[in-house]
Amino acid sequence: MPSAIKSITIEPLTVPKDSQINFGAVVSNVDIENLTDSDFATIREALFTHQVLIFKSQSHVTPRAQYELTRRFDPAGTSYGHGATIDAKRSILHPDLKTIPHQPQVQVIGNGFVASYEGLTDITLRHPHHRTFHATRIPDEDDLDFTRFYRWHIDAALYGLAPPVATTLLAVRVPKGRRQTLRYDDGTGDELDVSLGTTTFVSGEAMYDALSPEDKAFVKSTKVEYAPHPYIWMSAARSRPTGLGLVSEGRELPLDQLPPVEEDKIQVLPMCWRNPVTGKLALQVHPSAARKLHLGDGTVVDDLAEVRETVYRLQRPGIAPGKVYAHDWEEGDLVLFHNRGVLHSVVGAFAEDEVRLFRQCNIAATHLPEGPEVDA
């Protein structure tokens, strides 16, 4: 007699008692290689309910199955979520990604030399380091003991293509045994103890819920205009030490130095995006790419420093240490996250011989996020 098939289980994350993390869950008894419609329906509802889902022991999952899981959240989507690599050498995303030849929707990211993986040979991966992007930096002598959030963001092109609904990350190789202190370095003294190369997440819904009534009214009536070709536009700009948006130094590229700009591809998106299952609102703004604010009364705020200060004031409480989920990666972990409900950041400072190998997949959606004006 064959053994009974176990049903999918979803267990909310176990967090310390003093933690304010109210999202995340571990999913068990799922065959991602042979995902049924019923299985996916369960996973879909769980994702929109818990925002971040963790599947353990998934080293066997193929790039094809990872792509198919990601794609099922918007089956008509086919484009890579960050868009085509137009003028790639000037894009801040260019050095961080390599594409799997037989599954081009799946990217390889990480750190160190990899002789061979999924059709790629003799590749050197570079984990993003804050020294390449932040206006200030941790001294070299402290580099292996301390780190920062690299860049809080949403996976999205923010020009021409709609933000992906979901992203998947699969840990293939994970360095072991070393932890770092993550410093905010913004005068607050805030810090976190994290594993090397953690990925950090915060809830956009919690970020919205913590706002004052006045700020809730503001974010519900305000839209963000993102820069055209934003990752080229910001390529010479530098980040705050928290990784939450850029310092205003006039280093952004003028529009006439960007690739040709198509006006109809410039995105003006709500500050708040509505969860399609729960109806909850999430404050979802990519702080580094924001260029203008369109207020509810028709006013357009185009002073870049003012735009950034406003967004930072609204978002900074949401990345307080007690609200950050820093995932302790183990090899075989597959993390699926709601890209329209959380912000995330790369973290970590690696030595050259510390090899980290991950697979990432996100696909541009065929529809824009729903804003507060849409009834739940």
Protein backbone atom coordinates (compact mmCIF):
# COMPACT_ATOMS: atom_id res chain seq x y z
CA MET A 1 0.00 0.00 0.00
CA PRO A 2 1.46 3.41 -0.89
CA SER A 3 1.90 5.77 1.99
CA ALA A 4 -0.65 8.54 2.34
CA ILE A 5 0.30 11.84 0.72
CA LYS A 6 0.94 14.44 3.38
CA SER A 7 -0.96 17.68 3.08
CA ILE A 8 0.86 21.00 2.83
CA THR A 9 1.59 22.58 6.19
CA ILE A 10 2.18 26.27 6.81
CA GLU A 11 3.72 27.31 10.12
CA PRO A 12 4.26 30.99 10.97
CA LEU A 13 7.86 31.90 11.71
CA THR A 14 9.03 31.48 15.26
CA VAL A 15 10.41 34.86 16.34
CA PRO A 16 11.81 36.15 19.66
CA LYS A 17 9.22 37.42 22.12
CA ASP A 18 10.48 40.97 21.84
CA SER A 19 10.34 40.90 18.03
CA GLN A 20 7.80 42.97 16.12
CA ILE A 21 8.01 40.69 13.06
CA ASN A 22 4.47 39.71 12.13
CA PHE A 23 5.07 38.05 8.77
CA GLY A 24 6.73 34.96 7.31
CA ALA A 25 5.99 31.24 7.36
CA VAL A 26 7.66 27.87 6.75
CA VAL A 27 5.95 25.64 4.18
CA SER A 28 6.37 21.85 4.25
CA ASN A 29 5.23 18.84 2.21
CA VAL A 30 5.35 20.51 -1.19
CA ASP A 31 6.76 18.94 -4.36
CA ILE A 32 7.84 22.03 -6.28
CA GLU A 33 8.96 19.90 -9.24
CA ASN A 34 5.42 18.56 -9.63
CA LEU A 35 3.23 21.37 -8.39
CA THR A 36 -0.51 20.74 -8.79
CA ASP A 37 -3.07 23.48 -9.24
CA SER A 38 -4.35 22.71 -5.74
CA ASP A 39 -0.83 22.98 -4.31
CA PHE A 40 -0.31 26.32 -6.00
CA ALA A 41 -3.64 27.67 -4.77
CA THR A 42 -2.53 26.88 -1.23
CA ILE A 43 0.88 28.49 -1.77
CA ARG A 44 -0.65 31.57 -3.39
CA GLU A 45 -2.99 32.23 -0.49
CA ALA A 46 -0.17 31.59 1.98
CA LEU A 47 2.13 34.04 0.20
CA PHE A 48 -0.35 36.89 0.25
CA THR A 49 -1.19 36.10 3.87
CA HIS A 50 2.38 35.69 5.20
CA GLN A 51 4.42 37.71 2.64
CA VAL A 52 7.56 35.53 2.91
CA LEU A 53 7.49 31.74 2.56
CA ILE A 54 10.42 29.44 3.33
CA PHE A 55 10.72 25.96 1.81
CA LYS A 56 13.52 23.90 3.37
CA SER A 57 15.65 21.19 1.67
CA GLN A 58 14.96 22.19 -1.94
CA SER A 59 18.43 21.67 -3.44
CA HIS A 60 16.91 19.28 -5.99
CA VAL A 61 14.63 21.93 -7.48
CA THR A 62 15.59 22.66 -11.08
CA PRO A 63 15.85 26.13 -12.59
CA ARG A 64 12.86 25.21 -14.75
CA ALA A 65 10.69 24.38 -11.73
CA GLN A 66 11.83 27.56 -9.97
CA TYR A 67 10.81 29.58 -13.02
CA GLU A 68 7.46 27.80 -13.28
CA LEU A 69 6.66 28.45 -9.62
CA THR A 70 7.51 32.14 -10.02
CA ARG A 71 5.63 32.46 -13.31
CA ARG A 72 2.40 30.98 -11.92
CA PHE A 73 1.73 34.19 -10.01
CA ASP A 74 1.23 35.88 -13.40
CA PRO A 75 1.22 33.20 -16.12
CA ALA A 76 1.21 35.68 -19.01
CA GLY A 77 4.42 37.32 -17.81
CA THR A 78 7.65 36.45 -19.62
CA SER A 79 10.07 39.38 -19.18
CA TYR A 80 12.80 39.53 -16.53
CA GLY A 81 11.47 41.73 -13.74
CA HIS A 82 14.27 44.31 -13.86
CA GLY A 83 13.89 44.71 -17.59
CA ALA A 84 16.24 44.38 -20.54
CA THR A 85 19.91 45.18 -19.96
CA ILE A 86 19.85 48.26 -22.19
CA ASP A 87 23.13 50.14 -21.72
CA ALA A 88 23.95 47.47 -19.15
CA LYS A 89 27.45 48.65 -18.37
CA ARG A 90 26.07 51.85 -16.83
CA SER A 91 23.32 50.10 -14.85
CA ILE A 92 23.99 49.49 -11.17
CA LEU A 93 22.52 46.00 -11.64
CA HIS A 94 24.99 44.97 -14.34
CA PRO A 95 27.79 43.42 -12.22
CA ASP A 96 25.48 41.45 -9.95
CA LEU A 97 23.71 39.06 -12.33
CA LYS A 98 24.52 36.13 -14.58
CA THR A 99 21.90 34.26 -16.58
CA ILE A 100 21.46 30.48 -16.69
CA PRO A 101 21.84 29.60 -20.40
CA HIS A 102 19.10 26.96 -20.56
CA GLN A 103 16.67 28.92 -18.33
CA PRO A 104 17.30 32.61 -19.05
CA GLN A 105 14.56 33.80 -16.67
CA VAL A 106 16.69 32.54 -13.76
CA GLN A 107 19.74 34.51 -12.61
CA VAL A 108 22.80 33.35 -10.66
CA ILE A 109 24.03 35.67 -7.91
CA GLY A 110 26.52 35.31 -5.10
CA ASN A 111 30.21 35.69 -4.36
CA GLY A 112 33.45 34.07 -5.41
CA PHE A 113 34.73 31.80 -8.17
CA VAL A 114 32.53 28.99 -9.45
CA ALA A 115 34.10 26.57 -11.93
CA SER A 116 30.86 25.20 -13.33
CA TYR A 117 27.14 25.55 -12.63
CA GLU A 118 24.09 24.92 -14.83
CA GLY A 119 25.95 25.57 -18.08
CA LEU A 120 27.98 28.50 -16.76
CA THR A 121 31.75 27.96 -16.54
CA ASP A 122 34.58 29.81 -14.84
CA ILE A 123 32.35 32.55 -13.44
CA THR A 124 33.30 35.02 -10.74
CA LEU A 125 30.36 36.32 -8.73
CA ARG A 126 30.47 39.56 -6.79
CA HIS A 127 28.33 40.10 -3.74
CA PRO A 128 27.24 43.76 -3.60
CA HIS A 129 29.26 45.64 -0.98
CA HIS A 130 28.12 48.90 0.58
CA ARG A 131 31.46 50.58 -0.17
CA THR A 132 30.49 50.68 -3.86
CA PHE A 133 27.18 52.42 -3.26
CA HIS A 134 27.05 54.25 0.09
CA ALA A 135 28.17 57.83 0.67
CA THR A 136 30.09 56.68 3.77
CA ARG A 137 31.68 53.34 4.56
CA ILE A 138 32.75 51.10 7.39
CA PRO A 139 36.56 51.23 7.78
CA ASP A 140 38.42 48.45 5.97
CA GLU A 141 39.82 47.05 9.22
CA ASP A 142 36.25 46.45 10.48
CA ASP A 143 34.92 45.14 7.19
CA LEU A 144 34.63 41.43 7.99
CA ASP A 145 33.03 42.02 11.38
CA PHE A 146 30.53 44.73 10.44
CA THR A 147 28.16 45.28 7.55
CA ARG A 148 25.16 47.33 6.43
CA PHE A 149 21.94 46.97 4.48
CA TYR A 150 23.16 47.41 0.91
CA ARG A 151 19.98 48.77 -0.69
CA TRP A 152 16.36 48.42 0.43
CA HIS A 153 14.30 47.86 -2.69
CA ILE A 154 11.49 46.22 -4.57
CA ASP A 155 12.47 43.99 -7.52
CA ALA A 156 11.21 46.06 -10.43
CA ALA A 157 12.29 47.81 -13.62
CA LEU A 158 10.07 50.79 -12.66
CA TYR A 159 10.16 51.83 -16.30
CA GLY A 160 7.97 50.21 -18.93
CA LEU A 161 7.42 46.93 -17.05
CA ALA A 162 5.09 46.31 -14.12
CA PRO A 163 6.70 45.23 -10.81
CA PRO A 164 6.85 41.44 -10.37
CA VAL A 165 4.30 39.88 -8.04
CA ALA A 166 6.79 37.46 -6.48
CA THR A 167 10.49 36.60 -6.37
CA THR A 168 12.12 33.26 -5.62
CA LEU A 169 15.60 32.79 -4.16
CA LEU A 170 17.29 29.38 -3.86
CA ALA A 171 20.44 28.88 -1.77
CA VAL A 172 22.83 26.51 -3.58
CA ARG A 173 26.03 27.21 -1.61
CA VAL A 174 26.16 29.09 1.68
CA PRO A 175 29.32 30.04 3.62
CA LYS A 176 29.11 28.82 7.20
CA GLY A 177 30.26 29.80 10.61
CA ARG A 178 30.64 33.57 10.52
CA ARG A 179 28.30 36.29 11.71
CA GLN A 180 28.45 40.05 11.39
CA THR A 181 27.07 43.06 13.18
CA LEU A 182 24.85 45.08 10.90
CA ARG A 183 25.13 48.79 11.64
CA TYR A 184 22.62 51.46 10.66
CA ASP A 185 25.27 54.19 11.15
CA ASP A 186 22.60 56.92 11.17
CA GLY A 187 23.19 58.23 14.70
CA THR A 188 20.53 56.02 16.30
CA GLY A 189 22.89 53.29 17.50
CA ASP A 190 20.61 50.70 15.87
CA GLU A 191 22.25 47.44 14.91
CA LEU A 192 21.50 43.76 14.29
CA ASP A 193 23.41 40.51 14.70
CA VAL A 194 23.15 38.71 11.34
CA SER A 195 24.53 35.66 9.59
CA LEU A 196 26.98 36.23 6.75
CA GLY A 197 25.12 37.06 3.55
CA THR A 198 21.65 37.18 5.07
CA THR A 199 18.76 38.59 3.06
CA THR A 200 16.63 40.99 5.10
CA PHE A 201 12.92 41.68 4.73
CA VAL A 202 10.48 44.21 6.16
CA SER A 203 6.73 44.31 5.79
CA GLY A 204 5.20 47.13 3.76
CA GLU A 205 1.91 46.41 5.52
CA ALA A 206 3.49 46.89 8.95
CA MET A 207 5.17 50.03 7.61
CA TYR A 208 1.77 51.40 6.62
CA ASP A 209 0.00 50.29 9.80
CA ALA A 210 2.53 52.16 11.98
CA LEU A 211 1.85 55.53 10.33
CA SER A 212 -0.12 58.30 12.01
CA PRO A 213 -3.66 58.94 10.69
CA GLU A 214 -2.35 62.02 8.90
CA ASP A 215 0.46 60.10 7.21
CA LYS A 216 -1.92 57.29 6.25
CA ALA A 217 -4.14 59.82 4.52
CA PHE A 218 -1.08 61.29 2.78
CA VAL A 219 0.30 57.99 1.46
CA LYS A 220 -3.12 56.80 0.32
CA SER A 221 -3.58 59.92 -1.81
CA THR A 222 0.00 60.27 -3.11
CA LYS A 223 1.69 58.64 -6.08
CA VAL A 224 5.40 58.23 -6.81
CA GLU A 225 6.91 59.06 -10.17
CA TYR A 226 10.00 56.95 -10.79
CA ALA A 227 12.98 58.06 -12.82
CA PRO A 228 13.23 56.78 -16.40
CA HIS A 229 15.90 54.07 -16.71
CA PRO A 230 16.25 54.38 -12.93
CA TYR A 231 19.27 52.08 -12.46
CA ILE A 232 21.27 54.11 -14.96
CA TRP A 233 19.89 57.42 -13.67
CA MET A 234 21.11 56.61 -10.13
CA SER A 235 24.37 54.94 -11.18
CA ALA A 236 26.61 57.75 -9.88
CA ALA A 237 24.47 58.60 -6.83
CA ARG A 238 25.22 57.32 -3.34
CA SER A 239 23.14 55.79 -0.59
CA ARG A 240 22.33 56.68 2.96
CA PRO A 241 24.10 54.43 5.50
CA THR A 242 20.83 52.61 6.21
CA GLY A 243 20.52 51.61 2.54
CA LEU A 244 17.12 53.30 2.54
CA GLY A 245 17.30 55.75 -0.34
CA LEU A 246 19.94 58.07 -1.72
CA VAL A 247 21.80 61.13 -0.51
CA SER A 248 20.95 64.23 -2.55
CA GLU A 249 24.27 65.42 -3.98
CA GLY A 250 23.28 66.19 -7.56
CA ARG A 251 25.00 63.06 -8.86
CA GLU A 252 22.00 61.66 -10.76
CA LEU A 253 22.44 61.58 -14.52
CA PRO A 254 20.57 64.30 -16.45
CA LEU A 255 17.80 62.91 -18.61
CA ASP A 256 19.68 63.86 -21.78
CA GLN A 257 22.50 61.51 -20.72
CA LEU A 258 20.17 58.52 -20.37
CA PRO A 259 19.16 56.13 -23.15
CA PRO A 260 16.21 57.50 -25.13
CA VAL A 261 13.26 58.13 -22.81
CA GLU A 262 9.78 57.05 -23.86
CA GLU A 263 7.32 59.15 -21.90
CA ASP A 264 4.65 56.44 -21.83
CA LYS A 265 7.06 54.08 -20.06
CA ILE A 266 7.69 56.43 -17.11
CA GLN A 267 5.87 54.92 -14.14
CA VAL A 268 3.69 56.82 -11.69
CA LEU A 269 2.59 54.29 -9.07
CA PRO A 270 0.58 54.53 -5.85
CA MET A 271 2.56 54.80 -2.63
CA CYS A 272 0.33 52.05 -1.20
CA TRP A 273 -0.35 48.74 -2.94
CA ARG A 274 -3.33 46.60 -2.03
CA ASN A 275 -2.94 42.91 -1.12
CA PRO A 276 -5.10 40.92 -3.56
CA VAL A 277 -6.13 38.34 -0.93
CA THR A 278 -6.34 40.24 2.37
CA GLY A 279 -7.11 43.72 1.03
CA LYS A 280 -4.48 45.22 3.34
CA LEU A 281 -2.40 48.20 2.21
CA ALA A 282 1.39 48.10 2.06
CA LEU A 283 3.62 51.16 1.83
CA GLN A 284 5.60 50.05 -1.21
CA VAL A 285 8.06 52.64 -2.46
CA HIS A 286 11.47 51.98 -4.01
CA PRO A 287 13.24 54.84 -2.23
CA SER A 288 16.31 54.99 -4.46
CA ALA A 289 14.36 55.29 -7.71
CA ALA A 290 11.72 57.84 -6.60
CA ARG A 291 11.99 61.13 -8.50
CA LYS A 292 8.72 63.05 -7.94
CA LEU A 293 5.62 62.90 -5.75
CA HIS A 294 2.15 63.51 -7.15
CA LEU A 295 -0.03 64.67 -4.25
CA GLY A 296 -3.75 64.12 -3.97
CA ASP A 297 -4.52 67.81 -4.56
CA GLY A 298 -2.69 67.78 -7.88
CA THR A 299 0.56 69.28 -6.58
CA VAL A 300 3.73 67.74 -7.99
CA VAL A 301 6.76 67.76 -5.69
CA ASP A 302 9.80 67.73 -7.97
CA ASP A 303 12.48 68.86 -5.53
CA LEU A 304 14.47 65.63 -5.32
CA ALA A 305 15.83 66.29 -1.83
CA GLU A 306 12.31 66.95 -0.53
CA VAL A 307 10.98 63.82 -2.21
CA ARG A 308 13.67 61.72 -0.57
CA GLU A 309 13.25 63.27 2.87
CA THR A 310 9.50 62.64 2.74
CA VAL A 311 9.88 59.01 1.68
CA TYR A 312 12.62 58.41 4.26
CA ARG A 313 10.54 59.85 7.09
CA LEU A 314 7.69 57.52 6.20
CA GLN A 315 9.78 54.38 5.68
CA ARG A 316 12.56 54.61 8.28
CA PRO A 317 10.43 53.44 11.26
CA GLY A 318 9.61 50.31 9.27
CA ILE A 319 13.24 49.13 9.15
CA ALA A 320 13.80 49.39 12.93
CA PRO A 321 15.76 46.35 14.19
CA GLY A 322 12.74 44.69 15.78
CA LYS A 323 10.84 44.78 12.47
CA VAL A 324 13.55 43.24 10.25
CA TYR A 325 13.47 39.55 9.39
CA ALA A 326 17.05 38.49 8.58
CA HIS A 327 16.93 35.03 7.05
CA ASP A 328 19.66 32.64 8.20
CA TRP A 329 20.26 30.81 4.93
CA GLU A 330 20.93 27.10 4.81
CA GLU A 331 21.78 25.25 1.62
CA GLY A 332 18.58 24.13 -0.06
CA ASP A 333 16.44 26.95 1.32
CA LEU A 334 14.00 28.30 -1.25
CA VAL A 335 12.43 31.60 -0.24
CA LEU A 336 9.39 32.92 -2.07
CA PHE A 337 8.43 36.48 -1.22
CA HIS A 338 5.61 38.85 -2.12
CA ASN A 339 7.49 41.53 -4.01
CA ARG A 340 4.47 43.84 -3.79
CA GLY A 341 4.19 43.51 -0.02
CA VAL A 342 7.75 43.57 1.36
CA LEU A 343 10.98 45.45 0.84
CA HIS A 344 14.24 43.53 0.99
CA SER A 345 17.96 44.13 1.04
CA VAL A 346 21.17 42.27 0.30
CA VAL A 347 23.52 42.28 3.30
CA GLY A 348 27.08 41.18 3.97
CA ALA A 349 30.80 41.70 3.50
CA PHE A 350 32.59 38.62 2.15
CA ALA A 351 36.20 37.57 1.93
CA GLU A 352 37.30 36.63 -1.60
CA ASP A 353 37.43 32.91 -0.79
CA GLU A 354 33.94 32.79 0.72
CA VAL A 355 31.74 31.33 -1.99
CA ARG A 356 28.02 32.03 -2.05
CA LEU A 357 25.88 30.71 -4.89
CA PHE A 358 22.18 31.52 -5.25
CA ARG A 359 19.52 31.37 -7.94
CA GLN A 360 17.04 34.23 -8.32
CA CYS A 361 13.92 34.52 -10.43
CA ASN A 362 11.39 37.31 -10.85
CA ILE A 363 9.16 38.09 -13.80
CA ALA A 364 7.60 41.41 -14.75
CA ALA A 365 3.87 41.37 -14.16
CA THR A 366 1.27 42.02 -16.84
CA HIS A 367 -0.65 44.41 -14.58
CA LEU A 368 0.25 47.31 -12.30
CA PRO A 369 -0.33 47.15 -8.52
CA GLU A 370 -3.76 48.11 -7.27
CA GLY A 371 -3.81 51.21 -5.11
CA PRO A 372 -5.98 52.39 -2.23
CA GLU A 373 -8.70 53.64 -4.53
CA VAL A 374 -9.58 50.03 -5.39
CA ASP A 375 -12.18 48.54 -3.06
CA ALA A 376 -11.03 45.59 -0.99
